[in-house]
Amino acid sequence: MYFFSSSNIHLMIVSFLLYFVINTFENVIHYNIGKFSNKETKFVIPSKKDWVKIIIVMTVAALLQGFFTYWFQSKTK
């Protein structure tokens, strides 16, 4: 069995995309809670600089999520 077979890549991509989409919403909520922690919480869109930071962290985490999803799934076969 090859490590990067077609079905393995598909599993990693689906896991990556689901993690990325779901956590985008979560991270924007956390961003607003942190930004307004000493005030009434509002909802604002992060600045471009903050979006870059959020996207970089989410991409690394999503890649790890995809890899470990594949890895643990392949160990159960």
C-alpha atoms as a PDB file:
ATOM      1  CA  MET A   1       0.000   0.000   0.000  1.00  0.00           C
ATOM      2  CA  TYR A   2       1.369   3.392  -0.951  1.00  0.00           C
ATOM      3  CA  PHE A   3       1.290   6.138   1.643  1.00  0.00           C
ATOM      4  CA  PHE A   4      -0.180   8.669  -0.793  1.00  0.00           C
ATOM      5  CA  SER A   5      -2.714   6.625  -2.748  1.00  0.00           C
ATOM      6  CA  SER A   6      -5.729   8.269  -4.364  1.00  0.00           C
ATOM      7  CA  SER A   7      -8.086   7.411  -1.499  1.00  0.00           C
ATOM      8  CA  ASN A   8      -5.537   8.628   1.072  1.00  0.00           C
ATOM      9  CA  ILE A   9      -5.170  11.969  -0.682  1.00  0.00           C
ATOM     10  CA  HIS A  10      -8.975  12.275  -0.887  1.00  0.00           C
ATOM     11  CA  LEU A  11      -9.324  11.623   2.859  1.00  0.00           C
ATOM     12  CA  MET A  12      -6.622  14.176   3.683  1.00  0.00           C
ATOM     13  CA  ILE A  13      -8.162  16.827   1.406  1.00  0.00           C
ATOM     14  CA  VAL A  14     -11.685  16.368   2.784  1.00  0.00           C
ATOM     15  CA  SER A  15     -10.417  16.472   6.368  1.00  0.00           C
ATOM     16  CA  PHE A  16      -8.319  19.581   5.593  1.00  0.00           C
ATOM     17  CA  LEU A  17     -11.230  21.431   3.962  1.00  0.00           C
ATOM     18  CA  LEU A  18     -13.752  20.593   6.685  1.00  0.00           C
ATOM     19  CA  TYR A  19     -11.346  21.686   9.398  1.00  0.00           C
ATOM     20  CA  PHE A  20     -10.496  24.890   7.523  1.00  0.00           C
ATOM     21  CA  VAL A  21     -14.119  25.950   6.916  1.00  0.00           C
ATOM     22  CA  ILE A  22     -15.436  25.114  10.375  1.00  0.00           C
ATOM     23  CA  ASN A  23     -12.514  26.696  12.172  1.00  0.00           C
ATOM     24  CA  THR A  24     -12.702  29.903  10.142  1.00  0.00           C
ATOM     25  CA  PHE A  25     -15.965  30.711  11.904  1.00  0.00           C
ATOM     26  CA  GLU A  26     -14.645  29.601  15.273  1.00  0.00           C
ATOM     27  CA  ASN A  27     -11.473  31.659  14.924  1.00  0.00           C
ATOM     28  CA  VAL A  28     -13.369  34.827  13.990  1.00  0.00           C
ATOM     29  CA  ILE A  29     -15.535  34.359  17.093  1.00  0.00           C
ATOM     30  CA  HIS A  30     -12.434  33.828  19.262  1.00  0.00           C
ATOM     31  CA  TYR A  31     -10.796  36.863  17.637  1.00  0.00           C
ATOM     32  CA  ASN A  32     -13.755  39.045  18.653  1.00  0.00           C
ATOM     33  CA  ILE A  33     -13.908  37.628  22.177  1.00  0.00           C
ATOM     34  CA  GLY A  34     -10.196  38.332  22.646  1.00  0.00           C
ATOM     35  CA  LYS A  35     -10.339  41.787  21.087  1.00  0.00           C
ATOM     36  CA  PHE A  36     -13.265  42.883  23.224  1.00  0.00           C
ATOM     37  CA  SER A  37     -12.529  40.892  26.393  1.00  0.00           C
ATOM     38  CA  ASN A  38     -12.675  43.970  28.645  1.00  0.00           C
ATOM     39  CA  LYS A  39     -15.623  45.565  26.854  1.00  0.00           C
ATOM     40  CA  GLU A  40     -18.989  44.592  25.447  1.00  0.00           C
ATOM     41  CA  THR A  41     -18.301  41.923  22.819  1.00  0.00           C
ATOM     42  CA  LYS A  42     -18.926  43.115  19.271  1.00  0.00           C
ATOM     43  CA  PHE A  43     -18.505  41.399  15.934  1.00  0.00           C
ATOM     44  CA  VAL A  44     -15.867  42.882  13.628  1.00  0.00           C
ATOM     45  CA  ILE A  45     -13.995  41.410  10.691  1.00  0.00           C
ATOM     46  CA  PRO A  46     -10.257  40.962  11.397  1.00  0.00           C
ATOM     47  CA  SER A  47      -7.756  43.261   9.682  1.00  0.00           C
ATOM     48  CA  LYS A  48      -5.744  41.963   6.713  1.00  0.00           C
ATOM     49  CA  LYS A  49      -2.717  41.471   8.971  1.00  0.00           C
ATOM     50  CA  ASP A  50      -4.786  39.459  11.460  1.00  0.00           C
ATOM     51  CA  TRP A  51      -6.377  37.406   8.631  1.00  0.00           C
ATOM     52  CA  VAL A  52      -2.905  36.430   7.420  1.00  0.00           C
ATOM     53  CA  LYS A  53      -1.978  35.228  10.919  1.00  0.00           C
ATOM     54  CA  ILE A  54      -5.270  33.340  11.299  1.00  0.00           C
ATOM     55  CA  ILE A  55      -4.944  31.684   7.867  1.00  0.00           C
ATOM     56  CA  ILE A  56      -1.325  30.601   8.458  1.00  0.00           C
ATOM     57  CA  VAL A  57      -2.132  28.998  11.808  1.00  0.00           C
ATOM     58  CA  MET A  58      -5.298  27.366  10.433  1.00  0.00           C
ATOM     59  CA  THR A  59      -3.457  25.992   7.388  1.00  0.00           C
ATOM     60  CA  VAL A  60      -0.780  24.341   9.523  1.00  0.00           C
ATOM     61  CA  ALA A  61      -3.408  22.928  11.886  1.00  0.00           C
ATOM     62  CA  ALA A  62      -5.582  21.743   8.970  1.00  0.00           C
ATOM     63  CA  LEU A  63      -2.622  19.971   7.332  1.00  0.00           C
ATOM     64  CA  LEU A  64      -1.854  18.231  10.621  1.00  0.00           C
ATOM     65  CA  GLN A  65      -5.547  17.337  11.002  1.00  0.00           C
ATOM     66  CA  GLY A  66      -5.627  15.817   7.523  1.00  0.00           C
ATOM     67  CA  PHE A  67      -2.413  13.869   8.042  1.00  0.00           C
ATOM     68  CA  PHE A  68      -3.395  12.486  11.449  1.00  0.00           C
ATOM     69  CA  THR A  69      -6.906  11.610  10.224  1.00  0.00           C
ATOM     70  CA  TYR A  70      -5.326   9.537   7.475  1.00  0.00           C
ATOM     71  CA  TRP A  71      -2.671   8.085   9.770  1.00  0.00           C
ATOM     72  CA  PHE A  72      -5.058   6.962  12.521  1.00  0.00           C
ATOM     73  CA  GLN A  73      -7.566   5.674   9.962  1.00  0.00           C
ATOM     74  CA  SER A  74      -4.867   3.623   8.206  1.00  0.00           C
ATOM     75  CA  LYS A  75      -3.788   2.088  11.544  1.00  0.00           C
ATOM     76  CA  THR A  76      -7.307   0.712  12.115  1.00  0.00           C
ATOM     77  CA  LYS A  77      -7.376  -1.237   8.843  1.00  0.00           C
END
